[in-house]
Amino acid sequence: MASVPTEGSTKETTKTSLWLALALSALLLGTLFLRLLWLDKPAGALIFDEVYYVNAARVILGWPVPEGAHYYGAPIGIDPNSEHLPLAKLVIAVSMRLFGDNAVGWRLPSVLMGTGAVGLLFLLLRRLSGRAGLALFAAFVFSLDNLAFVHSRIATLDIQMVFFMLLGLYLYVAGRAVLAGAALALAVMSKLTGVYGVGAIAGYEVLRLLPQPQARAAWRDIAGNLALMLGVGLVFFLLVLWPIDRQWTAFPDPLRHVAHILQYGVNMTSDRYPSTIESAPWQWLVNQEPIVYLKVGNDVRVDGKLVQSQPVVDFQGEMNPYVIFLAPLVLAYLLVRAVTTRESLPLFLLALAGATYLPSVLTATLDHRASYIYYFLPVLPALCAGIAYLMLDRRLPRYLPVAYALGVVFGFAMLFPFRAIP
């Protein structure tokens, strides 16, 4: 695995490490602040799929669900949201038990894990590349993507899955296959698409050694690491999920629960369940079909007639345009660098992008599976890392990363959900 190179004198290294620690701390504190800012606004409102997951947590806790809301009248103590595994909803329920049936209780796990995902992306990229500046730049871009931001402050499953997936990826490249298996199992228990992390690691190892079939010893070591990670992950998955399923779901074991989820997914086709918020995976690359998560307008009426409606709160499910519009260029750049340099970073990012994006393309194409723009969230770490890798290419002008960073800030500000101080 990649190791962090040490260059320069001890004094220079210490000084650089201090500045890096300060910059990373500032980034994480700023990330946390933005996700906590006006977390309870608009007061009492559930945003997008919170109507499912917050109410599922209420049912698990035995708390009342408003009449007419999703899962009203569901059996107490049993997770009614059977199309997803229960871990992330249990995390939300624990938070609600600690902090109450309010915005902080609903959303604090997403805030913490969304912030943690930024830090994990930094650690992962620094480990892979040995370039702290690149890792910091990628974490900065990821922190200011709108889709990552919105899902880091609403009570949905996706950011929990991404957090555990990044944790598993980091542990694997750090040589901790056992812990990586456990972390990836937690990702799958949060949302089944957490299995993409396993695909990313397997794809990376194949890409890394494919041109070297003669390196049998390396293949044996890698196969052993993968087998250890998968074995531990499967055992951990079953040991943890089995009692959870028996206690809080209608399924007697995880195998039948997973089979139910897979069948549910097969049935969720565009033909059977048409939706106005649906979009094809290739549309995501140009930010087509964004989803309005929540919009609250300030209406102006004259003689009882609506003459103007200005959004005050506007949560949108779409990516920062300065991030997503670079996707084709970044993927092409990664491919060229992977072929010409065989460096770990472009190989890993290609594997991660492929493992998180191609399954949606295949299911939408072959099975007409319904898909939505927020399915792109697990792809964003690879894309943001690829952007940093491109922008910091020494052959490009030095001012370009600064200009691009300003563009990312501008794109984030354009999509910031609060258009006025609540």
Protein backbone atom coordinates (compact mmCIF):
# COMPACT_ATOMS: atom_id res chain seq x y z
CA MET A 1 0.00 0.00 0.00
CA ALA A 2 1.00 3.61 -0.47
CA SER A 3 2.98 5.23 2.29
CA VAL A 4 3.41 8.89 3.14
CA PRO A 5 6.86 10.04 1.94
CA THR A 6 9.00 12.22 4.18
CA GLU A 7 10.93 15.01 2.52
CA GLY A 8 12.99 17.95 3.70
CA SER A 9 14.49 18.67 7.07
CA THR A 10 12.88 17.82 10.38
CA LYS A 11 12.28 21.53 11.01
CA GLU A 12 10.48 21.97 7.66
CA THR A 13 8.47 18.81 8.19
CA THR A 14 7.37 19.96 11.64
CA LYS A 15 6.40 23.39 10.34
CA THR A 16 4.47 21.87 7.43
CA SER A 17 2.70 19.46 9.76
CA LEU A 18 1.65 22.33 12.01
CA TRP A 19 0.18 24.32 9.11
CA LEU A 20 -1.52 21.20 7.80
CA ALA A 21 -3.07 20.46 11.18
CA LEU A 22 -4.32 24.04 11.43
CA ALA A 23 -5.75 23.98 7.89
CA LEU A 24 -7.46 20.63 8.40
CA SER A 25 -8.88 21.73 11.76
CA ALA A 26 -10.23 24.92 10.20
CA LEU A 27 -11.81 22.93 7.37
CA LEU A 28 -13.47 20.45 9.70
CA LEU A 29 -14.70 23.16 12.07
CA GLY A 30 -16.09 25.16 9.14
CA THR A 31 -17.71 22.01 7.76
CA LEU A 32 -19.32 21.26 11.12
CA PHE A 33 -20.47 24.86 11.57
CA LEU A 34 -22.19 25.01 8.17
CA ARG A 35 -23.99 21.73 8.82
CA LEU A 36 -25.18 22.83 12.23
CA LEU A 37 -26.21 26.32 11.08
CA TRP A 38 -30.00 26.73 11.33
CA LEU A 39 -30.32 22.96 11.69
CA ASP A 40 -33.82 23.36 13.11
CA LYS A 41 -35.10 25.56 10.27
CA PRO A 42 -37.80 25.60 9.07
CA ALA A 43 -39.16 24.74 12.48
CA GLY A 44 -40.77 21.31 12.77
CA ALA A 45 -40.46 20.50 9.06
CA LEU A 46 -39.30 17.11 7.81
CA ILE A 47 -37.11 17.42 4.71
CA PHE A 48 -37.43 14.98 1.79
CA ASP A 49 -37.05 11.33 2.89
CA GLU A 50 -36.99 12.31 6.55
CA VAL A 51 -40.72 11.61 6.34
CA TYR A 52 -39.77 7.93 6.15
CA TYR A 53 -36.74 7.64 8.39
CA VAL A 54 -37.72 9.96 11.25
CA ASN A 55 -41.13 8.32 11.44
CA ALA A 56 -39.51 4.89 11.28
CA ALA A 57 -37.34 5.91 14.25
CA ARG A 58 -40.46 7.09 16.09
CA VAL A 59 -42.09 3.70 15.54
CA ILE A 60 -38.95 1.91 16.74
CA LEU A 61 -38.95 4.04 19.90
CA GLY A 62 -42.69 3.60 20.44
CA TRP A 63 -43.26 7.33 20.07
CA PRO A 64 -46.39 8.72 18.42
CA VAL A 65 -46.44 9.26 14.67
CA PRO A 66 -48.69 12.11 13.48
CA GLU A 67 -51.97 10.91 12.03
CA GLY A 68 -51.80 10.64 8.28
CA ALA A 69 -47.98 10.58 8.25
CA HIS A 70 -45.92 7.71 6.89
CA TYR A 71 -46.04 4.62 9.14
CA TYR A 72 -48.90 5.95 11.24
CA GLY A 73 -50.41 2.94 12.99
CA ALA A 74 -47.41 0.66 12.34
CA PRO A 75 -46.63 -1.97 15.02
CA ILE A 76 -44.67 -0.39 17.85
CA GLY A 77 -41.01 -1.31 18.13
CA ILE A 78 -40.73 -2.80 14.63
CA ASP A 79 -38.92 -0.91 11.88
CA PRO A 80 -41.63 -0.32 9.26
CA ASN A 81 -39.13 0.74 6.58
CA SER A 82 -38.36 -2.83 5.49
CA GLU A 83 -36.83 -1.87 2.14
CA HIS A 84 -33.62 -0.86 3.94
CA LEU A 85 -31.56 -2.55 6.64
CA PRO A 86 -32.16 -1.00 10.07
CA LEU A 87 -28.76 0.20 11.35
CA ALA A 88 -28.91 3.83 10.20
CA LYS A 89 -32.48 4.18 11.45
CA LEU A 90 -31.45 2.78 14.82
CA VAL A 91 -28.66 5.37 14.96
CA ILE A 92 -31.26 8.07 14.32
CA ALA A 93 -33.51 6.54 16.99
CA VAL A 94 -30.67 6.56 19.55
CA SER A 95 -29.98 10.21 18.76
CA MET A 96 -33.66 11.03 19.19
CA ARG A 97 -33.70 9.17 22.50
CA LEU A 98 -30.77 11.29 23.68
CA PHE A 99 -31.72 14.69 22.25
CA GLY A 100 -35.47 14.49 21.74
CA ASP A 101 -37.98 14.36 18.91
CA ASN A 102 -36.62 17.49 17.29
CA ALA A 103 -34.26 18.61 14.55
CA VAL A 104 -31.12 17.99 16.61
CA GLY A 105 -32.28 14.51 17.53
CA TRP A 106 -33.19 13.67 13.94
CA ARG A 107 -30.17 15.15 12.18
CA LEU A 108 -27.16 15.09 14.50
CA PRO A 109 -25.92 11.66 13.25
CA SER A 110 -25.87 12.98 9.68
CA VAL A 111 -24.05 16.15 10.75
CA LEU A 112 -21.35 14.22 12.61
CA MET A 113 -20.91 11.54 9.95
CA GLY A 114 -21.00 14.06 7.13
CA THR A 115 -18.23 16.02 8.83
CA GLY A 116 -16.39 12.79 9.59
CA ALA A 117 -16.60 11.76 5.93
CA VAL A 118 -14.67 14.93 4.99
CA GLY A 119 -11.92 14.00 7.44
CA LEU A 120 -11.84 10.38 6.27
CA LEU A 121 -11.48 11.45 2.64
CA PHE A 122 -8.45 13.50 3.67
CA LEU A 123 -6.89 10.56 5.53
CA LEU A 124 -7.59 8.15 2.68
CA LEU A 125 -6.03 10.36 0.01
CA ARG A 126 -3.04 11.30 2.12
CA ARG A 127 -2.38 7.62 2.70
CA LEU A 128 -2.73 6.76 -0.97
CA SER A 129 -0.79 9.65 -2.46
CA GLY A 130 1.48 10.94 0.29
CA ARG A 131 0.38 14.45 -0.74
CA ALA A 132 -1.26 16.28 2.12
CA GLY A 133 -2.08 19.32 -0.02
CA LEU A 134 -3.94 17.21 -2.54
CA ALA A 135 -5.86 15.44 0.23
CA LEU A 136 -6.81 18.76 1.83
CA PHE A 137 -7.94 20.26 -1.48
CA ALA A 138 -10.14 17.23 -2.23
CA ALA A 139 -11.68 17.33 1.25
CA PHE A 140 -12.39 21.05 0.77
CA VAL A 141 -14.18 20.45 -2.54
CA PHE A 142 -16.16 17.53 -1.09
CA SER A 143 -17.22 19.60 1.93
CA LEU A 144 -18.72 22.27 -0.34
CA ASP A 145 -20.60 20.03 -2.73
CA ASN A 146 -24.30 20.74 -2.32
CA LEU A 147 -25.48 17.11 -2.42
CA ALA A 148 -22.96 16.09 0.25
CA PHE A 149 -23.87 19.18 2.28
CA VAL A 150 -27.63 18.64 2.19
CA HIS A 151 -27.38 14.94 3.07
CA SER A 152 -25.04 15.85 5.91
CA ARG A 153 -27.78 17.85 7.61
CA ILE A 154 -30.93 15.80 7.02
CA ALA A 155 -31.87 12.48 8.60
CA THR A 156 -31.40 10.08 5.70
CA LEU A 157 -29.36 6.88 5.35
CA ASP A 158 -26.96 7.84 2.58
CA ILE A 159 -24.35 9.87 4.43
CA GLN A 160 -24.06 7.22 7.14
CA MET A 161 -23.34 4.66 4.45
CA VAL A 162 -20.74 6.93 2.81
CA PHE A 163 -19.05 7.54 6.17
CA PHE A 164 -18.64 3.84 6.93
CA MET A 165 -17.61 3.11 3.34
CA LEU A 166 -14.83 5.72 3.49
CA LEU A 167 -13.78 4.37 6.88
CA GLY A 168 -13.53 0.87 5.41
CA LEU A 169 -11.54 2.11 2.41
CA TYR A 170 -9.11 4.00 4.63
CA LEU A 171 -8.58 1.04 6.94
CA TYR A 172 -7.91 -1.23 4.00
CA VAL A 173 -5.24 0.97 2.41
CA ALA A 174 -3.74 1.39 5.90
CA GLY A 175 -3.26 -2.38 6.03
CA ARG A 176 -6.10 -3.10 8.49
CA ALA A 177 -8.10 -5.67 6.52
CA VAL A 178 -9.92 -6.99 9.59
CA LEU A 179 -11.18 -3.58 10.68
CA ALA A 180 -11.92 -2.68 7.07
CA GLY A 181 -14.23 -5.68 6.80
CA ALA A 182 -16.11 -4.61 9.93
CA ALA A 183 -16.44 -0.99 8.72
CA LEU A 184 -17.72 -2.05 5.30
CA ALA A 185 -20.23 -4.34 6.99
CA LEU A 186 -21.52 -1.30 8.88
CA ALA A 187 -21.80 0.54 5.56
CA VAL A 188 -23.92 -2.28 4.12
CA MET A 189 -26.07 -2.38 7.27
CA SER A 190 -26.70 1.35 6.85
CA LYS A 191 -27.71 0.98 3.20
CA LEU A 192 -27.19 -2.04 0.99
CA THR A 193 -25.24 0.01 -1.56
CA GLY A 194 -22.40 0.08 0.99
CA VAL A 195 -21.25 -3.06 -0.82
CA TYR A 196 -19.82 -0.69 -3.44
CA GLY A 197 -16.89 -0.23 -1.09
CA VAL A 198 -16.01 -3.91 -1.43
CA GLY A 199 -16.20 -3.58 -5.21
CA ALA A 200 -13.92 -0.54 -5.12
CA ILE A 201 -11.24 -2.39 -3.16
CA ALA A 202 -11.43 -5.48 -5.36
CA GLY A 203 -11.33 -3.35 -8.50
CA TYR A 204 -8.34 -1.41 -7.23
CA GLU A 205 -6.35 -4.56 -6.52
CA VAL A 206 -7.16 -5.98 -9.94
CA LEU A 207 -6.16 -2.75 -11.70
CA ARG A 208 -3.00 -2.51 -9.64
CA LEU A 209 -1.71 -5.97 -10.50
CA LEU A 210 -3.41 -6.81 -13.80
CA PRO A 211 -0.35 -5.99 -15.97
CA GLN A 212 1.85 -8.09 -13.64
CA PRO A 213 0.56 -11.66 -13.88
CA GLN A 214 4.03 -12.91 -13.08
CA ALA A 215 3.85 -11.43 -9.56
CA ARG A 216 2.30 -14.53 -8.04
CA ALA A 217 3.43 -13.74 -4.53
CA ALA A 218 1.77 -10.33 -4.70
CA TRP A 219 -1.43 -11.91 -6.00
CA ARG A 220 -1.42 -14.42 -3.15
CA ASP A 221 -0.95 -11.67 -0.54
CA ILE A 222 -3.71 -9.56 -2.04
CA ALA A 223 -6.08 -12.52 -2.34
CA GLY A 224 -5.38 -13.30 1.31
CA ASN A 225 -6.15 -9.72 2.36
CA LEU A 226 -9.36 -9.66 0.33
CA ALA A 227 -10.47 -13.01 1.70
CA LEU A 228 -9.75 -11.87 5.26
CA MET A 229 -11.66 -8.61 4.75
CA LEU A 230 -14.63 -10.37 3.16
CA GLY A 231 -14.71 -13.15 5.74
CA VAL A 232 -14.55 -10.80 8.70
CA GLY A 233 -17.09 -8.48 7.07
CA LEU A 234 -19.57 -11.28 6.45
CA VAL A 235 -19.23 -12.72 9.97
CA PHE A 236 -19.51 -9.24 11.51
CA PHE A 237 -22.51 -8.46 9.32
CA LEU A 238 -24.35 -11.59 10.44
CA LEU A 239 -23.38 -11.37 14.11
CA VAL A 240 -24.48 -7.75 14.43
CA LEU A 241 -27.50 -7.73 12.14
CA TRP A 242 -29.04 -11.03 13.24
CA PRO A 243 -30.06 -9.87 16.75
CA ILE A 244 -30.99 -6.43 15.39
CA ASP A 245 -33.31 -7.98 12.81
CA ARG A 246 -34.91 -10.27 15.38
CA GLN A 247 -35.44 -7.41 17.84
CA TRP A 248 -36.48 -4.51 15.61
CA THR A 249 -37.71 -5.91 12.31
CA ALA A 250 -40.24 -8.44 11.06
CA PHE A 251 -37.47 -10.64 9.63
CA PRO A 252 -36.07 -13.59 11.61
CA ASP A 253 -32.62 -13.35 10.03
CA PRO A 254 -30.54 -11.04 7.80
CA LEU A 255 -30.59 -13.38 4.81
CA ARG A 256 -34.34 -13.11 4.39
CA HIS A 257 -34.19 -9.38 4.99
CA VAL A 258 -31.54 -8.92 2.29
CA ALA A 259 -33.54 -11.13 -0.10
CA HIS A 260 -36.62 -8.94 0.52
CA ILE A 261 -34.61 -5.76 -0.19
CA LEU A 262 -33.20 -7.17 -3.42
CA GLN A 263 -36.66 -8.21 -4.59
CA TYR A 264 -38.02 -4.80 -3.68
CA GLY A 265 -35.27 -3.21 -5.76
CA VAL A 266 -36.01 -5.46 -8.74
CA ASN A 267 -39.65 -4.38 -8.60
CA MET A 268 -38.79 -0.67 -8.45
CA THR A 269 -38.75 -0.08 -12.18
CA SER A 270 -39.63 3.07 -14.08
CA ASP A 271 -42.52 1.29 -15.78
CA ARG A 272 -44.18 0.12 -12.57
CA TYR A 273 -43.54 3.17 -10.41
CA PRO A 274 -43.16 6.29 -12.59
CA SER A 275 -42.00 9.33 -10.67
CA THR A 276 -41.51 13.00 -11.39
CA ILE A 277 -38.20 13.04 -9.46
CA GLU A 278 -36.64 10.10 -11.29
CA SER A 279 -33.55 10.57 -13.46
CA ALA A 280 -31.13 8.40 -15.44
CA PRO A 281 -27.51 8.05 -14.23
CA TRP A 282 -26.12 9.79 -17.32
CA GLN A 283 -28.31 12.80 -16.58
CA TRP A 284 -26.56 13.25 -13.23
CA LEU A 285 -23.36 14.21 -15.03
CA VAL A 286 -25.01 17.44 -16.19
CA ASN A 287 -27.12 18.01 -13.06
CA GLN A 288 -30.37 17.19 -14.87
CA GLU A 289 -33.54 16.44 -12.94
CA PRO A 290 -32.60 17.93 -9.55
CA ILE A 291 -35.00 17.13 -6.74
CA VAL A 292 -36.70 19.79 -4.64
CA TYR A 293 -36.25 18.45 -1.11
CA LEU A 294 -38.04 21.34 0.54
CA LYS A 295 -38.98 24.83 -0.62
CA VAL A 296 -40.57 27.53 1.51
CA GLY A 297 -41.45 30.76 -0.27
CA ASN A 298 -42.17 34.30 0.78
CA ASP A 299 -45.38 35.01 -1.10
CA VAL A 300 -46.37 38.51 -2.17
CA ARG A 301 -50.08 38.97 -2.88
CA VAL A 302 -51.97 41.93 -4.29
CA ASP A 303 -55.74 41.92 -3.93
CA GLY A 304 -55.54 38.27 -2.96
CA LYS A 305 -53.58 37.29 -6.07
CA LEU A 306 -50.09 35.79 -5.91
CA VAL A 307 -47.75 38.13 -7.82
CA GLN A 308 -44.38 36.92 -6.55
CA SER A 309 -42.98 33.97 -4.62
CA GLN A 310 -39.40 34.31 -3.48
CA PRO A 311 -37.76 31.20 -1.97
CA VAL A 312 -36.61 31.66 1.61
CA VAL A 313 -35.67 28.03 2.24
CA ASP A 314 -34.73 25.90 -0.77
CA PHE A 315 -33.17 22.48 -0.24
CA GLN A 316 -32.18 21.07 -3.61
CA GLY A 317 -30.93 17.59 -4.44
CA GLU A 318 -28.23 18.43 -6.96
CA MET A 319 -24.46 18.72 -7.12
CA ASN A 320 -22.33 21.83 -7.03
CA PRO A 321 -22.06 22.73 -10.76
CA TYR A 322 -18.35 23.46 -10.40
CA VAL A 323 -17.91 19.87 -9.21
CA ILE A 324 -20.19 17.81 -11.43
CA PHE A 325 -19.42 19.54 -14.73
CA LEU A 326 -15.78 18.47 -14.45
CA ALA A 327 -16.69 14.77 -14.18
CA PRO A 328 -16.00 13.74 -17.82
CA LEU A 329 -12.69 15.61 -17.91
CA VAL A 330 -11.61 14.20 -14.56
CA LEU A 331 -12.44 10.61 -15.52
CA ALA A 332 -10.49 10.97 -18.77
CA TYR A 333 -7.54 12.45 -16.87
CA LEU A 334 -7.58 9.63 -14.32
CA LEU A 335 -7.64 7.05 -17.08
CA VAL A 336 -4.64 8.60 -18.83
CA ARG A 337 -2.68 8.91 -15.60
CA ALA A 338 -3.54 5.36 -14.59
CA VAL A 339 -2.26 3.99 -17.89
CA THR A 340 0.87 6.15 -18.11
CA THR A 341 2.03 6.30 -14.47
CA ARG A 342 0.48 3.24 -12.78
CA GLU A 343 0.28 5.33 -9.60
CA SER A 344 -1.92 4.07 -6.80
CA LEU A 345 -4.09 7.18 -6.62
CA PRO A 346 -5.58 7.24 -10.16
CA LEU A 347 -6.02 3.47 -10.08
CA PHE A 348 -7.88 3.66 -6.78
CA LEU A 349 -10.06 6.59 -7.85
CA LEU A 350 -11.03 4.87 -11.10
CA ALA A 351 -11.97 1.75 -9.18
CA LEU A 352 -13.98 3.76 -6.65
CA ALA A 353 -15.79 5.80 -9.32
CA GLY A 354 -16.58 2.67 -11.31
CA ALA A 355 -17.80 0.70 -8.31
CA THR A 356 -20.12 3.48 -7.13
CA TYR A 357 -21.44 4.73 -10.49
CA LEU A 358 -21.55 1.82 -12.95
CA PRO A 359 -24.05 -0.30 -10.95
CA SER A 360 -26.63 2.49 -11.35
CA VAL A 361 -25.89 2.70 -15.08
CA LEU A 362 -26.26 -1.07 -15.50
CA THR A 363 -29.49 -1.42 -13.52
CA ALA A 364 -31.06 1.60 -15.22
CA THR A 365 -30.05 0.35 -18.67
CA LEU A 366 -30.69 -3.38 -18.37
CA ASP A 367 -33.52 -3.48 -15.86
CA HIS A 368 -35.06 0.01 -16.19
CA ARG A 369 -34.54 0.37 -12.45
CA ALA A 370 -35.76 3.64 -10.99
CA SER A 371 -32.87 5.92 -10.05
CA TYR A 372 -32.51 9.35 -8.50
CA ILE A 373 -29.85 12.02 -8.51
CA TYR A 374 -28.88 11.48 -4.87
CA TYR A 375 -27.62 8.02 -5.85
CA PHE A 376 -24.57 9.96 -7.03
CA LEU A 377 -23.55 10.77 -3.44
CA PRO A 378 -21.18 7.75 -3.06
CA VAL A 379 -19.43 8.75 -6.31
CA LEU A 380 -18.59 12.24 -5.05
CA PRO A 381 -15.50 11.32 -2.96
CA ALA A 382 -13.83 9.82 -6.05
CA LEU A 383 -14.84 12.78 -8.21
CA CYS A 384 -13.66 15.40 -5.71
CA ALA A 385 -10.37 13.55 -5.25
CA GLY A 386 -9.93 13.36 -9.02
CA ILE A 387 -10.56 17.09 -9.31
CA ALA A 388 -7.85 17.79 -6.74
CA TYR A 389 -5.46 15.44 -8.56
CA LEU A 390 -6.11 17.31 -11.83
CA MET A 391 -6.00 20.83 -10.43
CA LEU A 392 -2.68 20.23 -8.67
CA ASP A 393 -0.99 18.82 -11.75
CA ARG A 394 2.33 20.68 -11.89
CA ARG A 395 1.95 21.29 -15.61
CA LEU A 396 -1.05 23.56 -15.03
CA PRO A 397 -0.87 27.23 -13.99
CA ARG A 398 -0.42 27.74 -10.27
CA TYR A 399 -3.33 30.15 -10.05
CA LEU A 400 -5.80 27.56 -11.39
CA PRO A 401 -6.47 25.76 -8.06
CA VAL A 402 -7.16 29.11 -6.38
CA ALA A 403 -9.52 30.22 -9.15
CA TYR A 404 -11.26 26.86 -9.06
CA ALA A 405 -11.63 26.93 -5.27
CA LEU A 406 -13.34 30.32 -5.56
CA GLY A 407 -15.68 28.83 -8.16
CA VAL A 408 -16.56 25.96 -5.78
CA VAL A 409 -17.35 28.48 -3.03
CA PHE A 410 -19.52 30.45 -5.45
CA GLY A 411 -21.37 27.29 -6.58
CA PHE A 412 -21.98 26.32 -2.96
CA ALA A 413 -23.31 29.79 -2.16
CA MET A 414 -25.69 29.67 -5.15
CA LEU A 415 -27.27 26.45 -3.86
CA PHE A 416 -27.11 27.24 -0.15
CA PRO A 417 -30.60 26.32 1.07
CA PHE A 418 -31.21 29.44 3.13
CA ARG A 419 -31.78 32.43 0.88
CA ALA A 420 -32.55 34.71 3.83
CA ILE A 421 -31.78 34.64 7.52
CA PRO A 422 -34.57 32.54 9.10
